[in-house]
Each structure stands twice: as C-alpha cells, then as structure tokens.
Amino acid sequence: RVDVSHYRLALHLTTAFVILAAVLWVAFDLDR
C-alpha cells in the first residue's frame, strides 16, 4: 500500500481515546 490501513488507523486512534478516558476517569475518581 501507499498508506496505512484505515482499520488499523481506527484501532490506533481509538485506543488513544480509550487511554485518555481511562486516565481522566481515575483522576475524577480521586477528586473529593
């Protein structure tokens, strides 16, 4: 190919968003 698979791009990008959501959820959990 001359570019990356859009399926794999979606996997990579969505995982970044999952990480962001998980980090924020734990941070909010610790907010009194």
Full PDB file with SEQRES, HELIX, SHEET, SSBOND, CRYST1, ORIGX, SCALE, CONECT and MASTER records, all heavy atoms in Angstrom:
SEQRES   1 A   32  ARG VAL ASP VAL SER HIS TYR ARG LEU ALA LEU HIS LEU          
SEQRES   2 A   32  THR THR ALA PHE VAL ILE LEU ALA ALA VAL LEU TRP VAL          
SEQRES   3 A   32  ALA PHE ASP LEU ASP ARG                                      
HELIX    1 AA1 HIS A    6  ASP A   29  1                                  24    
CRYST1    1.000    1.000    1.000  90.00  90.00  90.00 P 1           1          
ORIGX1      1.000000  0.000000  0.000000        0.00000                         
ORIGX2      0.000000  1.000000  0.000000        0.00000                         
ORIGX3      0.000000  0.000000  1.000000        0.00000                         
SCALE1      1.000000  0.000000  0.000000        0.00000                         
SCALE2      0.000000  1.000000  0.000000        0.00000                         
SCALE3      0.000000  0.000000  1.000000        0.00000                         
ATOM      1  N   ARG A   1       0.838  -1.193   0.000  1.00  0.00           N  
ATOM      2  CA  ARG A   1       0.000   0.000   0.000  1.00  0.00           C  
ATOM      3  C   ARG A   1       0.878   1.250   0.000  1.00  0.00           C  
ATOM      4  O   ARG A   1       2.069   1.183   0.335  1.00  0.00           O  
ATOM      5  CB  ARG A   1      -0.897   0.033   1.245  1.00  0.00           C  
ATOM      6  CG  ARG A   1      -1.799  -1.179   1.408  1.00  0.00           C  
ATOM      7  CD  ARG A   1      -2.461  -1.148   2.782  1.00  0.00           C  
ATOM      8  NE  ARG A   1      -3.211   0.082   2.994  1.00  0.00           N  
ATOM      9  CZ  ARG A   1      -4.528   0.183   2.897  1.00  0.00           C  
ATOM     10  NH1 ARG A   1      -5.258  -0.886   2.600  1.00  0.00           N  
ATOM     11  NH2 ARG A   1      -5.138   1.325   3.096  1.00  0.00           N  
ATOM     12  N   VAL A   2       0.256   2.377  -0.333  1.00  0.00           N  
ATOM     13  CA  VAL A   2       0.970   3.651  -0.244  1.00  0.00           C  
ATOM     14  C   VAL A   2       0.497   4.446   0.973  1.00  0.00           C  
ATOM     15  O   VAL A   2       0.900   5.593   1.173  1.00  0.00           O  
ATOM     16  CB  VAL A   2       0.773   4.494  -1.524  1.00  0.00           C  
ATOM     17  CG1 VAL A   2       1.366   3.781  -2.720  1.00  0.00           C  
ATOM     18  CG2 VAL A   2      -0.712   4.811  -1.748  1.00  0.00           C  
ATOM     19  N   ASP A   3      -0.361   3.852   1.777  1.00  0.00           N  
ATOM     20  CA  ASP A   3      -0.806   4.455   3.022  1.00  0.00           C  
ATOM     21  C   ASP A   3      -1.157   3.335   3.997  1.00  0.00           C  
ATOM     22  O   ASP A   3      -1.079   2.152   3.647  1.00  0.00           O  
ATOM     23  CB  ASP A   3      -2.000   5.385   2.797  1.00  0.00           C  
ATOM     24  CG  ASP A   3      -3.138   4.700   2.029  1.00  0.00           C  
ATOM     25  OD1 ASP A   3      -3.117   3.451   1.936  1.00  0.00           O  
ATOM     26  OD2 ASP A   3      -4.035   5.404   1.529  1.00  0.00           O  
ATOM     27  N   VAL A   4      -1.545   3.695   5.202  1.00  0.00           N  
ATOM     28  CA  VAL A   4      -1.848   2.663   6.189  1.00  0.00           C  
ATOM     29  C   VAL A   4      -3.308   2.237   6.068  1.00  0.00           C  
ATOM     30  O   VAL A   4      -4.149   2.957   5.533  1.00  0.00           O  
ATOM     31  CB  VAL A   4      -1.570   3.166   7.628  1.00  0.00           C  
ATOM     32  CG1 VAL A   4      -0.111   3.548   7.782  1.00  0.00           C  
ATOM     33  CG2 VAL A   4      -2.481   4.335   7.999  1.00  0.00           C  
ATOM     34  N   SER A   5      -3.598   1.056   6.576  1.00  0.00           N  
ATOM     35  CA  SER A   5      -4.971   0.548   6.613  1.00  0.00           C  
ATOM     36  C   SER A   5      -5.839   1.450   7.487  1.00  0.00           C  
ATOM     37  O   SER A   5      -5.462   1.788   8.622  1.00  0.00           O  
ATOM     38  CB  SER A   5      -4.973  -0.874   7.166  1.00  0.00           C  
ATOM     39  OG  SER A   5      -6.260  -1.252   7.601  1.00  0.00           O  
ATOM     40  N   HIS A   6      -7.005   1.836   6.984  1.00  0.00           N  
ATOM     41  CA  HIS A   6      -7.873   2.681   7.801  1.00  0.00           C  
ATOM     42  C   HIS A   6      -8.458   1.911   8.983  1.00  0.00           C  
ATOM     43  O   HIS A   6      -8.834   2.516   9.991  1.00  0.00           O  
ATOM     44  CB  HIS A   6      -8.988   3.309   6.948  1.00  0.00           C  
ATOM     45  CG  HIS A   6      -9.945   2.346   6.342  1.00  0.00           C  
ATOM     46  ND1 HIS A   6      -9.616   1.524   5.291  1.00  0.00           N  
ATOM     47  CD2 HIS A   6     -11.260   2.083   6.633  1.00  0.00           C  
ATOM     48  CE1 HIS A   6     -10.670   0.800   4.954  1.00  0.00           C  
ATOM     49  NE2 HIS A   6     -11.675   1.101   5.752  1.00  0.00           N  
ATOM     50  N   TYR A   7      -8.517   0.595   8.881  1.00  0.00           N  
ATOM     51  CA  TYR A   7      -8.948  -0.201  10.027  1.00  0.00           C  
ATOM     52  C   TYR A   7      -7.918  -0.115  11.158  1.00  0.00           C  
ATOM     53  O   TYR A   7      -8.268   0.061  12.331  1.00  0.00           O  
ATOM     54  CB  TYR A   7      -9.130  -1.666   9.624  1.00  0.00           C  
ATOM     55  CG  TYR A   7     -10.193  -1.900   8.575  1.00  0.00           C  
ATOM     56  CD1 TYR A   7      -9.848  -2.264   7.277  1.00  0.00           C  
ATOM     57  CD2 TYR A   7     -11.544  -1.762   8.874  1.00  0.00           C  
ATOM     58  CE1 TYR A   7     -10.816  -2.487   6.305  1.00  0.00           C  
ATOM     59  CE2 TYR A   7     -12.523  -1.985   7.916  1.00  0.00           C  
ATOM     60  CZ  TYR A   7     -12.150  -2.339   6.627  1.00  0.00           C  
ATOM     61  OH  TYR A   7     -13.108  -2.547   5.675  1.00  0.00           O  
ATOM     62  N   ARG A   8      -6.652  -0.235  10.794  1.00  0.00           N  
ATOM     63  CA  ARG A   8      -5.597  -0.163  11.805  1.00  0.00           C  
ATOM     64  C   ARG A   8      -5.439   1.256  12.335  1.00  0.00           C  
ATOM     65  O   ARG A   8      -5.103   1.457  13.509  1.00  0.00           O  
ATOM     66  CB  ARG A   8      -4.282  -0.687  11.230  1.00  0.00           C  
ATOM     67  CG  ARG A   8      -4.364  -2.149  10.793  1.00  0.00           C  
ATOM     68  CD  ARG A   8      -2.997  -2.694  10.409  1.00  0.00           C  
ATOM     69  NE  ARG A   8      -3.103  -4.024   9.805  1.00  0.00           N  
ATOM     70  CZ  ARG A   8      -2.061  -4.789   9.504  1.00  0.00           C  
ATOM     71  NH1 ARG A   8      -0.832  -4.357   9.728  1.00  0.00           N  
ATOM     72  NH2 ARG A   8      -2.238  -5.981   8.955  1.00  0.00           N  
ATOM     73  N   LEU A   9      -5.669   2.242  11.461  1.00  0.00           N  
ATOM     74  CA  LEU A   9      -5.666   3.632  11.924  1.00  0.00           C  
ATOM     75  C   LEU A   9      -6.748   3.831  12.967  1.00  0.00           C  
ATOM     76  O   LEU A   9      -6.525   4.474  14.008  1.00  0.00           O  
ATOM     77  CB  LEU A   9      -5.890   4.570  10.732  1.00  0.00           C  
ATOM     78  CG  LEU A   9      -6.108   6.049  11.052  1.00  0.00           C  
ATOM     79  CD1 LEU A   9      -4.881   6.653  11.728  1.00  0.00           C  
ATOM     80  CD2 LEU A   9      -6.466   6.837   9.792  1.00  0.00           C  
ATOM     81  N   ALA A  10      -7.940   3.289  12.715  1.00  0.00           N  
ATOM     82  CA  ALA A  10      -9.044   3.408  13.665  1.00  0.00           C  
ATOM     83  C   ALA A  10      -8.707   2.726  14.989  1.00  0.00           C  
ATOM     84  O   ALA A  10      -9.007   3.249  16.073  1.00  0.00           O  
ATOM     85  CB  ALA A  10     -10.314   2.808  13.066  1.00  0.00           C  
ATOM     86  N   LEU A  11      -8.063   1.573  14.928  1.00  0.00           N  
ATOM     87  CA  LEU A  11      -7.659   0.863  16.145  1.00  0.00           C  
ATOM     88  C   LEU A  11      -6.678   1.708  16.952  1.00  0.00           C  
ATOM     89  O   LEU A  11      -6.810   1.848  18.178  1.00  0.00           O  
ATOM     90  CB  LEU A  11      -7.020  -0.482  15.765  1.00  0.00           C  
ATOM     91  CG  LEU A  11      -6.426  -1.296  16.912  1.00  0.00           C  
ATOM     92  CD1 LEU A  11      -7.507  -1.735  17.898  1.00  0.00           C  
ATOM     93  CD2 LEU A  11      -5.680  -2.523  16.359  1.00  0.00           C  
ATOM     94  N   HIS A  12      -5.691   2.271  16.264  1.00  0.00           N  
ATOM     95  CA  HIS A  12      -4.661   3.061  16.937  1.00  0.00           C  
ATOM     96  C   HIS A  12      -5.247   4.331  17.554  1.00  0.00           C  
ATOM     97  O   HIS A  12      -4.977   4.652  18.719  1.00  0.00           O  
ATOM     98  CB  HIS A  12      -3.572   3.420  15.914  1.00  0.00           C  
ATOM     99  CG  HIS A  12      -2.361   4.064  16.507  1.00  0.00           C  
ATOM    100  ND1 HIS A  12      -1.686   3.538  17.582  1.00  0.00           N  
ATOM    101  CD2 HIS A  12      -1.683   5.197  16.160  1.00  0.00           C  
ATOM    102  CE1 HIS A  12      -0.650   4.308  17.880  1.00  0.00           C  
ATOM    103  NE2 HIS A  12      -0.640   5.332  17.030  1.00  0.00           N  
ATOM    104  N   LEU A  13      -6.072   5.030  16.795  1.00  0.00           N  
ATOM    105  CA  LEU A  13      -6.645   6.278  17.296  1.00  0.00           C  
ATOM    106  C   LEU A  13      -7.633   6.019  18.428  1.00  0.00           C  
ATOM    107  O   LEU A  13      -7.616   6.715  19.455  1.00  0.00           O  
ATOM    108  CB  LEU A  13      -7.341   7.024  16.147  1.00  0.00           C  
ATOM    109  CG  LEU A  13      -7.969   8.367  16.507  1.00  0.00           C  
ATOM    110  CD1 LEU A  13      -6.923   9.354  16.993  1.00  0.00           C  
ATOM    111  CD2 LEU A  13      -8.731   8.952  15.308  1.00  0.00           C  
ATOM    112  N   THR A  14      -8.484   5.024  18.259  1.00  0.00           N  
ATOM    113  CA  THR A  14      -9.488   4.744  19.290  1.00  0.00           C  
ATOM    114  C   THR A  14      -8.836   4.316  20.594  1.00  0.00           C  
ATOM    115  O   THR A  14      -9.303   4.685  21.680  1.00  0.00           O  
ATOM    116  CB  THR A  14     -10.471   3.667  18.795  1.00  0.00           C  
ATOM    117  OG1 THR A  14     -11.035   4.063  17.549  1.00  0.00           O  
ATOM    118  CG2 THR A  14     -11.592   3.457  19.805  1.00  0.00           C  
ATOM    119  N   THR A  15      -7.748   3.555  20.513  1.00  0.00           N  
ATOM    120  CA  THR A  15      -7.038   3.146  21.726  1.00  0.00           C  
ATOM    121  C   THR A  15      -6.489   4.356  22.465  1.00  0.00           C  
ATOM    122  O   THR A  15      -6.516   4.411  23.702  1.00  0.00           O  
ATOM    123  CB  THR A  15      -5.900   2.173  21.390  1.00  0.00           C  
ATOM    124  OG1 THR A  15      -6.431   1.041  20.690  1.00  0.00           O  
ATOM    125  CG2 THR A  15      -5.210   1.679  22.656  1.00  0.00           C  
ATOM    126  N   ALA A  16      -6.009   5.350  21.729  1.00  0.00           N  
ATOM    127  CA  ALA A  16      -5.537   6.587  22.366  1.00  0.00           C  
ATOM    128  C   ALA A  16      -6.671   7.260  23.131  1.00  0.00           C  
ATOM    129  O   ALA A  16      -6.484   7.759  24.252  1.00  0.00           O  
ATOM    130  CB  ALA A  16      -4.967   7.536  21.312  1.00  0.00           C  
ATOM    131  N   PHE A  17      -7.866   7.266  22.535  1.00  0.00           N  
ATOM    132  CA  PHE A  17      -9.013   7.871  23.203  1.00  0.00           C  
ATOM    133  C   PHE A  17      -9.445   7.046  24.417  1.00  0.00           C  
ATOM    134  O   PHE A  17      -9.884   7.614  25.424  1.00  0.00           O  
ATOM    135  CB  PHE A  17     -10.165   8.029  22.211  1.00  0.00           C  
ATOM    136  CG  PHE A  17     -10.070   9.279  21.376  1.00  0.00           C  
ATOM    137  CD1 PHE A  17      -9.192   9.357  20.305  1.00  0.00           C  
ATOM    138  CD2 PHE A  17     -10.858  10.373  21.663  1.00  0.00           C  
ATOM    139  CE1 PHE A  17      -9.099  10.498  19.542  1.00  0.00           C  
ATOM    140  CE2 PHE A  17     -10.776  11.527  20.902  1.00  0.00           C  
ATOM    141  CZ  PHE A  17      -9.885  11.595  19.834  1.00  0.00           C  
ATOM    142  N   VAL A  18      -9.329   5.722  24.334  1.00  0.00           N  
ATOM    143  CA  VAL A  18      -9.646   4.873  25.491  1.00  0.00           C  
ATOM    144  C   VAL A  18      -8.688   5.179  26.641  1.00  0.00           C  
ATOM    145  O   VAL A  18      -9.101   5.293  27.809  1.00  0.00           O  
ATOM    146  CB  VAL A  18      -9.574   3.382  25.105  1.00  0.00           C  
ATOM    147  CG1 VAL A  18      -9.654   2.502  26.350  1.00  0.00           C  
ATOM    148  CG2 VAL A  18     -10.693   3.021  24.136  1.00  0.00           C  
ATOM    149  N   ILE A  19      -7.405   5.321  26.333  1.00  0.00           N  
ATOM    150  CA  ILE A  19      -6.409   5.643  27.357  1.00  0.00           C  
ATOM    151  C   ILE A  19      -6.737   6.990  27.996  1.00  0.00           C  
ATOM    152  O   ILE A  19      -6.695   7.140  29.227  1.00  0.00           O  
ATOM    153  CB  ILE A  19      -4.995   5.654  26.747  1.00  0.00           C  
ATOM    154  CG1 ILE A  19      -4.586   4.233  26.349  1.00  0.00           C  
ATOM    155  CG2 ILE A  19      -3.979   6.245  27.731  1.00  0.00           C  
ATOM    156  CD1 ILE A  19      -3.299   4.169  25.552  1.00  0.00           C  
ATOM    157  N   LEU A  20      -7.064   7.982  27.166  1.00  0.00           N  
ATOM    158  CA  LEU A  20      -7.412   9.304  27.688  1.00  0.00           C  
ATOM    159  C   LEU A  20      -8.613   9.215  28.622  1.00  0.00           C  
ATOM    160  O   LEU A  20      -8.601   9.781  29.724  1.00  0.00           O  
ATOM    161  CB  LEU A  20      -7.708  10.250  26.521  1.00  0.00           C  
ATOM    162  CG  LEU A  20      -8.209  11.655  26.886  1.00  0.00           C  
ATOM    163  CD1 LEU A  20      -7.171  12.396  27.722  1.00  0.00           C  
ATOM    164  CD2 LEU A  20      -8.551  12.442  25.623  1.00  0.00           C  
ATOM    165  N   ALA A  21      -9.643   8.495  28.203  1.00  0.00           N  
ATOM    166  CA  ALA A  21     -10.844   8.364  29.025  1.00  0.00           C  
ATOM    167  C   ALA A  21     -10.544   7.655  30.344  1.00  0.00           C  
ATOM    168  O   ALA A  21     -11.034   8.060  31.412  1.00  0.00           O  
ATOM    169  CB  ALA A  21     -11.923   7.609  28.250  1.00  0.00           C  
ATOM    170  N   ALA A  22      -9.728   6.606  30.289  1.00  0.00           N  
ATOM    171  CA  ALA A  22      -9.406   5.850  31.500  1.00  0.00           C  
ATOM    172  C   ALA A  22      -8.599   6.697  32.484  1.00  0.00           C  
ATOM    173  O   ALA A  22      -8.855   6.674  33.702  1.00  0.00           O  
ATOM    174  CB  ALA A  22      -8.624   4.589  31.122  1.00  0.00           C  
ATOM    175  N   VAL A  23      -7.619   7.436  31.980  1.00  0.00           N  
ATOM    176  CA  VAL A  23      -6.807   8.291  32.847  1.00  0.00           C  
ATOM    177  C   VAL A  23      -7.677   9.343  33.516  1.00  0.00           C  
ATOM    178  O   VAL A  23      -7.585   9.581  34.733  1.00  0.00           O  
ATOM    179  CB  VAL A  23      -5.676   8.959  32.026  1.00  0.00           C  
ATOM    180  CG1 VAL A  23      -4.984  10.055  32.849  1.00  0.00           C  
ATOM    181  CG2 VAL A  23      -4.645   7.922  31.588  1.00  0.00           C  
ATOM    182  N   LEU A  24      -8.550   9.973  32.753  1.00  0.00           N  
ATOM    183  CA  LEU A  24      -9.406  11.016  33.311  1.00  0.00           C  
ATOM    184  C   LEU A  24     -10.410  10.449  34.310  1.00  0.00           C  
ATOM    185  O   LEU A  24     -10.686  11.063  35.346  1.00  0.00           O  
ATOM    186  CB  LEU A  24     -10.148  11.739  32.180  1.00  0.00           C  
ATOM    187  CG  LEU A  24      -9.296  12.685  31.336  1.00  0.00           C  
ATOM    188  CD1 LEU A  24     -10.095  13.212  30.158  1.00  0.00           C  
ATOM    189  CD2 LEU A  24      -8.772  13.855  32.170  1.00  0.00           C  
ATOM    190  N   TRP A  25     -10.952   9.277  34.017  1.00  0.00           N  
ATOM    191  CA  TRP A  25     -11.937   8.680  34.930  1.00  0.00           C  
ATOM    192  C   TRP A  25     -11.315   8.424  36.304  1.00  0.00           C  
ATOM    193  O   TRP A  25     -11.916   8.730  37.347  1.00  0.00           O  
ATOM    194  CB  TRP A  25     -12.494   7.387  34.348  1.00  0.00           C  
ATOM    195  CG  TRP A  25     -13.665   6.845  35.131  1.00  0.00           C  
ATOM    196  CD1 TRP A  25     -13.623   6.033  36.228  1.00  0.00           C  
ATOM    197  CD2 TRP A  25     -15.050   7.122  34.878  1.00  0.00           C  
ATOM    198  NE1 TRP A  25     -14.890   5.769  36.673  1.00  0.00           N  
ATOM    199  CE2 TRP A  25     -15.794   6.427  35.871  1.00  0.00           C  
ATOM    200  CE3 TRP A  25     -15.737   7.868  33.922  1.00  0.00           C  
ATOM    201  CZ2 TRP A  25     -17.179   6.467  35.917  1.00  0.00           C  
ATOM    202  CZ3 TRP A  25     -17.121   7.904  33.973  1.00  0.00           C  
ATOM    203  CH2 TRP A  25     -17.828   7.209  34.963  1.00  0.00           C  
ATOM    204  N   VAL A  26     -10.096   7.878  36.317  1.00  0.00           N  
ATOM    205  CA  VAL A  26      -9.418   7.630  37.593  1.00  0.00           C  
ATOM    206  C   VAL A  26      -9.116   8.956  38.290  1.00  0.00           C  
ATOM    207  O   VAL A  26      -9.289   9.083  39.510  1.00  0.00           O  
ATOM    208  CB  VAL A  26      -8.129   6.821  37.369  1.00  0.00           C  
ATOM    209  CG1 VAL A  26      -7.344   6.691  38.679  1.00  0.00           C  
ATOM    210  CG2 VAL A  26      -8.454   5.431  36.821  1.00  0.00           C  
ATOM    211  N   ALA A  27      -8.675   9.958  37.528  1.00  0.00           N  
ATOM    212  CA  ALA A  27      -8.395  11.264  38.122  1.00  0.00           C  
ATOM    213  C   ALA A  27      -9.653  11.865  38.745  1.00  0.00           C  
ATOM    214  O   ALA A  27      -9.618  12.402  39.863  1.00  0.00           O  
ATOM    215  CB  ALA A  27      -7.822  12.206  37.065  1.00  0.00           C  
ATOM    216  N   PHE A  28     -10.768  11.772  38.045  1.00  0.00           N  
ATOM    217  CA  PHE A  28     -12.030  12.285  38.586  1.00  0.00           C  
ATOM    218  C   PHE A  28     -12.461  11.504  39.819  1.00  0.00           C  
ATOM    219  O   PHE A  28     -13.073  12.056  40.740  1.00  0.00           O  
ATOM    220  CB  PHE A  28     -13.133  12.231  37.519  1.00  0.00           C  
ATOM    221  CG  PHE A  28     -12.882  13.122  36.326  1.00  0.00           C  
ATOM    222  CD1 PHE A  28     -13.319  12.747  35.060  1.00  0.00           C  
ATOM    223  CD2 PHE A  28     -12.210  14.325  36.468  1.00  0.00           C  
ATOM    224  CE1 PHE A  28     -13.098  13.562  33.962  1.00  0.00           C  
ATOM    225  CE2 PHE A  28     -11.977  15.143  35.367  1.00  0.00           C  
ATOM    226  CZ  PHE A  28     -12.422  14.762  34.113  1.00  0.00           C  
ATOM    227  N   ASP A  29     -12.170  10.213  39.832  1.00  0.00           N  
ATOM    228  CA  ASP A  29     -12.487   9.385  41.000  1.00  0.00           C  
ATOM    229  C   ASP A  29     -11.795   9.899  42.262  1.00  0.00           C  
ATOM    230  O   ASP A  29     -12.306   9.731  43.375  1.00  0.00           O  
ATOM    231  CB  ASP A  29     -12.049   7.937  40.746  1.00  0.00           C  
ATOM    232  CG  ASP A  29     -13.227   7.013  40.484  1.00  0.00           C  
ATOM    233  OD1 ASP A  29     -14.375   7.488  40.522  1.00  0.00           O  
ATOM    234  OD2 ASP A  29     -13.003   5.824  40.238  1.00  0.00           O  
ATOM    235  N   LEU A  30     -10.617  10.472  42.087  1.00  0.00           N  
ATOM    236  CA  LEU A  30      -9.820  10.939  43.225  1.00  0.00           C  
ATOM    237  C   LEU A  30     -10.133  12.378  43.615  1.00  0.00           C  
ATOM    238  O   LEU A  30      -9.504  12.924  44.509  1.00  0.00           O  
ATOM    239  CB  LEU A  30      -8.328  10.815  42.894  1.00  0.00           C  
ATOM    240  CG  LEU A  30      -7.854   9.400  42.563  1.00  0.00           C  
ATOM    241  CD1 LEU A  30      -6.377   9.402  42.192  1.00  0.00           C  
ATOM    242  CD2 LEU A  30      -8.111   8.451  43.721  1.00  0.00           C  
ATOM    243  N   ASP A  31     -11.087  12.978  42.930  1.00  0.00           N  
ATOM    244  CA  ASP A  31     -11.488  14.354  43.216  1.00  0.00           C  
ATOM    245  C   ASP A  31     -12.582  14.337  44.272  1.00  0.00           C  
ATOM    246  O   ASP A  31     -13.685  13.845  44.033  1.00  0.00           O  
ATOM    247  CB  ASP A  31     -11.994  15.023  41.937  1.00  0.00           C  
ATOM    248  CG  ASP A  31     -12.255  16.515  42.129  1.00  0.00           C  
ATOM    249  OD1 ASP A  31     -12.436  16.948  43.285  1.00  0.00           O  
ATOM    250  OD2 ASP A  31     -12.284  17.234  41.118  1.00  0.00           O  
ATOM    251  N   ARG A  32     -12.294  14.871  45.447  1.00  0.00           N  
ATOM    252  CA  ARG A  32     -13.255  14.809  46.552  1.00  0.00           C  
ATOM    253  C   ARG A  32     -14.542  15.573  46.228  1.00  0.00           C  
ATOM    254  O   ARG A  32     -15.625  15.197  46.662  1.00  0.00           O  
ATOM    255  CB  ARG A  32     -12.603  15.368  47.822  1.00  0.00           C  
ATOM    256  CG  ARG A  32     -13.379  15.060  49.090  1.00  0.00           C  
ATOM    257  CD  ARG A  32     -12.505  15.278  50.296  1.00  0.00           C  
ATOM    258  NE  ARG A  32     -11.376  14.372  50.300  1.00  0.00           N  
ATOM    259  CZ  ARG A  32     -11.425  13.098  50.684  1.00  0.00           C  
ATOM    260  NH1 ARG A  32     -12.578  12.582  51.076  1.00  0.00           N  
ATOM    261  NH2 ARG A  32     -10.354  12.345  50.684  1.00  0.00           N  
TER     262      ARG A  32                                                      
MASTER        0    0    0    1    0    0    0    6  261    1    0    3          
END                                                                             
